[in-house]
Protein backbone atom coordinates (compact mmCIF):
# COMPACT_ATOMS: atom_id res chain seq x y z
CA UNK A 1 -28.66 -22.43 1.42
CA UNK A 2 -31.17 -24.05 -0.46
CA UNK A 3 -30.37 -22.16 -3.69
CA UNK A 4 -27.03 -23.19 -3.37
CA UNK A 5 -27.74 -26.65 -2.97
CA UNK A 6 -30.13 -26.29 -6.05
CA UNK A 7 -27.33 -24.74 -8.06
CA UNK A 8 -24.96 -27.73 -7.34
CA UNK A 9 -27.75 -30.32 -8.17
CA UNK A 10 -28.33 -28.71 -11.39
CA UNK A 11 -24.21 -28.93 -12.43
CA UNK A 12 -24.11 -32.26 -11.18
CA UNK A 13 -26.89 -33.64 -12.98
CA UNK A 14 -25.23 -32.23 -16.26
CA UNK A 15 -22.82 -34.96 -15.59
CA UNK A 16 -25.26 -37.36 -16.24
CA UNK A 17 -25.54 -38.82 -19.67
CA UNK A 18 -27.92 -41.12 -21.27
CA UNK A 19 -27.37 -44.97 -20.67
CA UNK A 20 -25.69 -44.47 -17.25
CA UNK A 21 -26.53 -46.22 -14.31
CA UNK A 22 -26.40 -43.77 -11.29
CA UNK A 23 -26.42 -43.81 -7.41
CA UNK A 24 -28.12 -41.11 -5.79
CA UNK A 25 -27.89 -41.30 -1.87
CA UNK A 26 -30.56 -39.84 0.69
CA UNK A 27 -29.33 -36.47 1.19
CA UNK A 28 -31.30 -33.10 0.49
CA UNK A 29 -28.51 -31.80 -2.22
CA UNK A 30 -28.74 -34.83 -4.26
CA UNK A 31 -32.81 -35.08 -3.85
CA UNK A 32 -32.53 -31.72 -5.91
CA UNK A 33 -30.71 -33.39 -8.71
CA UNK A 34 -34.13 -35.53 -9.59
CA UNK A 35 -35.74 -32.58 -11.06
CA UNK A 36 -33.05 -32.29 -13.69
CA UNK A 37 -32.89 -35.82 -14.64
CA UNK A 38 -36.56 -36.76 -15.59
CA UNK A 39 -36.06 -37.12 -19.46
CA UNK A 40 -32.90 -38.58 -19.45
CA UNK A 41 -32.55 -42.80 -20.53
CA UNK A 42 -30.95 -43.66 -17.27
CA UNK A 43 -31.17 -46.26 -14.03
CA UNK A 44 -31.05 -44.71 -10.95
CA UNK A 45 -29.75 -46.83 -7.85
CA UNK A 46 -30.87 -45.44 -4.64
CA UNK A 47 -31.31 -46.14 -0.94
CA UNK A 48 -33.67 -43.15 -0.70
CA UNK A 49 -37.35 -43.86 -0.56
CA UNK A 50 -37.77 -39.83 -1.64
CA UNK A 51 -35.32 -39.96 -4.68
CA UNK A 52 -37.22 -43.28 -5.65
CA UNK A 53 -40.93 -41.21 -5.76
CA UNK A 54 -39.18 -38.47 -7.44
CA UNK A 55 -39.19 -40.63 -10.57
CA UNK A 56 -42.41 -42.13 -10.25
CA UNK A 57 -44.22 -40.46 -13.09
CA UNK A 58 -40.83 -40.47 -15.71
CA UNK A 59 -41.12 -42.63 -18.67
CA UNK A 60 -37.29 -42.45 -19.20
CA UNK A 61 -36.04 -43.33 -15.73
CA UNK A 62 -35.85 -46.68 -14.22
CA UNK A 63 -35.41 -47.13 -10.62
CA UNK A 64 -33.57 -49.99 -8.65
CA UNK A 65 -34.53 -49.57 -4.74
CA UNK A 66 -31.99 -51.07 -2.73
CA UNK A 67 -33.47 -53.45 0.08
CA UNK A 68 -32.83 -53.39 3.73
CA UNK A 69 -34.25 -51.82 6.91
CA UNK A 70 -35.97 -48.27 6.75
CA UNK A 71 -34.52 -45.78 8.62
CA UNK A 72 -37.87 -43.75 9.26
CA UNK A 73 -36.20 -40.48 10.47
CA UNK A 74 -34.59 -40.22 6.93
CA UNK A 75 -36.59 -42.66 4.95
CA UNK A 76 -33.63 -44.34 3.65
CA UNK A 77 -32.60 -47.79 3.54
CA UNK A 78 -29.67 -49.15 5.84
CA UNK A 79 -28.51 -52.29 7.07
CA UNK A 80 -26.53 -55.88 6.18
CA UNK A 81 -29.10 -56.37 3.22
CA UNK A 82 -27.64 -53.27 0.91
CA UNK A 83 -24.63 -54.98 -0.27
CA UNK A 84 -27.03 -58.10 -1.70
CA UNK A 85 -28.39 -55.75 -4.15
CA UNK A 86 -25.33 -53.68 -4.93
CA UNK A 87 -23.33 -56.96 -5.91
CA UNK A 88 -25.52 -57.64 -8.98
CA UNK A 89 -24.89 -53.78 -10.30
CA UNK A 90 -22.11 -52.02 -12.12
CA UNK A 91 -22.63 -48.20 -11.18
CA UNK A 92 -21.04 -45.53 -13.38
CA UNK A 93 -21.53 -42.77 -11.27
CA UNK A 94 -22.30 -42.13 -7.63
CA UNK A 95 -23.77 -38.83 -6.39
CA UNK A 96 -23.41 -38.36 -2.77
CA UNK A 97 -23.48 -35.71 -0.21
CA UNK A 98 -22.96 -35.55 3.76
CA UNK A 99 -23.29 -33.40 6.97
CA UNK A 100 -19.77 -32.23 7.03
CA UNK A 101 -16.37 -32.26 4.79
CA UNK A 102 -12.51 -31.69 5.74
CA UNK A 103 -9.60 -32.75 3.72
CA UNK A 104 -8.20 -34.36 6.94
CA UNK A 105 -11.43 -36.00 8.18
CA UNK A 106 -12.74 -36.49 4.49
CA UNK A 107 -16.35 -36.96 4.25
CA UNK A 108 -18.32 -37.48 7.94
CA UNK A 109 -21.73 -38.23 8.76
CA UNK A 110 -23.89 -38.18 12.14
CA UNK A 111 -24.69 -41.82 11.81
CA UNK A 112 -23.07 -45.07 11.29
CA UNK A 113 -25.60 -46.91 9.28
CA UNK A 114 -25.90 -43.66 6.84
CA UNK A 115 -22.05 -44.08 6.82
CA UNK A 116 -22.26 -47.74 5.99
CA UNK A 117 -24.73 -47.64 3.00
CA UNK A 118 -22.70 -44.57 1.43
CA UNK A 119 -19.64 -46.52 1.48
CA UNK A 120 -21.42 -49.21 -0.21
CA UNK A 121 -22.25 -47.02 -2.99
CA UNK A 122 -18.86 -45.77 -3.39
CA UNK A 123 -17.40 -49.20 -3.38
CA UNK A 124 -19.64 -50.26 -6.44
CA UNK A 125 -19.20 -47.04 -8.40
CA UNK A 126 -16.52 -46.22 -11.07
CA UNK A 127 -16.86 -42.46 -10.45
CA UNK A 128 -17.86 -40.49 -7.57
CA UNK A 129 -19.01 -37.16 -6.98
CA UNK A 130 -19.50 -35.12 -4.11
CA UNK A 131 -22.02 -32.52 -3.83
CA UNK A 132 -20.94 -30.01 -0.79
CA UNK A 133 -22.31 -26.74 -0.27
CA UNK A 134 -20.33 -23.98 1.70
CA UNK A 135 -21.94 -24.62 4.98
CA UNK A 136 -20.59 -27.99 5.28
CA UNK A 137 -17.10 -27.56 4.51
CA UNK A 138 -14.58 -27.26 7.23
CA UNK A 139 -16.66 -29.40 9.70
CA UNK A 140 -16.74 -32.96 10.64
CA UNK A 141 -19.38 -35.35 12.02
CA UNK A 142 -18.30 -38.76 14.08
CA UNK A 143 -18.41 -41.07 11.34
CA UNK A 144 -15.99 -41.17 8.57
CA UNK A 145 -17.66 -42.17 4.91
CA UNK A 146 -14.55 -41.95 2.54
CA UNK A 147 -11.59 -40.03 2.20
CA UNK A 148 -10.59 -37.61 -0.67
CA UNK A 149 -8.68 -40.47 -2.52
CA UNK A 150 -12.14 -41.94 -2.83
CA UNK A 151 -13.73 -38.90 -4.64
CA UNK A 152 -13.17 -38.08 -8.38
CA UNK A 153 -14.89 -34.65 -7.94
CA UNK A 154 -16.33 -32.49 -5.76
CA UNK A 155 -18.93 -29.82 -6.84
CA UNK A 156 -19.51 -26.60 -4.38
CA UNK A 157 -20.79 -23.49 -4.91
CA UNK A 158 -19.06 -20.28 -5.16
CA UNK A 159 -19.35 -19.22 -1.39
CA UNK A 160 -17.03 -21.68 -0.99
CA UNK A 161 -14.07 -19.56 -2.49
CA UNK A 162 -14.93 -16.75 -0.33
CA UNK A 163 -13.66 -18.07 2.81
CA UNK A 164 -9.97 -18.64 3.30
CA UNK A 165 -10.82 -21.94 5.01
CA UNK A 166 -13.11 -23.25 2.12
CA UNK A 167 -10.36 -22.06 -0.40
CA UNK A 168 -7.50 -23.70 1.12
CA UNK A 169 -9.46 -27.09 1.81
CA UNK A 170 -10.27 -27.20 -1.85
CA UNK A 171 -6.72 -26.75 -2.97
CA UNK A 172 -5.54 -29.65 -0.84
CA UNK A 173 -8.47 -31.48 -2.81
CA UNK A 174 -7.20 -30.43 -6.28
CA UNK A 175 -3.58 -31.17 -5.16
CA UNK A 176 -4.63 -34.58 -4.24
CA UNK A 177 -5.83 -35.12 -7.86
CA UNK A 178 -9.59 -34.61 -7.18
CA UNK A 179 -11.29 -32.19 -9.45
CA UNK A 180 -13.42 -29.30 -7.89
CA UNK A 181 -16.17 -27.44 -9.76
CA UNK A 182 -17.68 -24.29 -8.51
CA UNK A 183 -21.25 -24.37 -9.14
CA UNK A 184 -22.39 -20.82 -10.54
CA UNK A 185 -26.26 -20.05 -10.39
CA UNK A 186 -27.91 -19.67 -13.71
CA UNK A 187 -28.41 -15.88 -14.96
CA UNK A 188 -31.48 -14.39 -13.64
CA UNK A 189 -34.36 -16.01 -15.60
CA UNK A 190 -36.05 -12.58 -15.94
CA UNK A 191 -33.33 -11.18 -18.17
CA UNK A 192 -33.53 -14.18 -20.41
CA UNK A 193 -37.16 -13.27 -20.86
CA UNK A 194 -36.37 -10.13 -22.09
CA UNK A 195 -34.08 -11.32 -24.25
CA UNK A 196 -36.41 -13.72 -25.84
CA UNK A 197 -38.99 -10.68 -26.41
CA UNK A 198 -36.40 -8.51 -28.03
CA UNK A 199 -35.82 -11.44 -30.58
CA UNK A 200 -39.57 -11.88 -31.11
């Protein structure tokens, strides 16, 4: 599962361009994006202390930490102060994940506060990218973050295509004008090393 999350995160990071102002939420999948963004000239807006720390040694990435109450279990920021900072920002692209996703229920989460923070990020962003590995698809949690109409793109792993339910849900999303990208793992790095040796 971690490998799937990493693959999804790498593909998601490829949509980030220099000059972008991006939002990254406090989820394990989006956290993997940080290692692929270290040298980009971007501004990262986040409600996650983990995400902010990933860029501590980056010379080109500026981080805007959204203020509010710290939810200690997730080291994320929630609460009524979140919109105050976001009102001063124009975010190009928002990268999110959550606990569960179905076409009918949309993106759902286990806590009301996290949902609210994610919704604030979505509201301030021009484009919304959902990072969802196959284990989250077809399930739903109690609190709704957003619906498919709020999403511009879903990035998932190829295992989603292997289940009938996953395939059906992704087709519904595509029919509703949401792009779906199936992230493939990179070729084995050992094979690449062999190729390089042959060239030399």
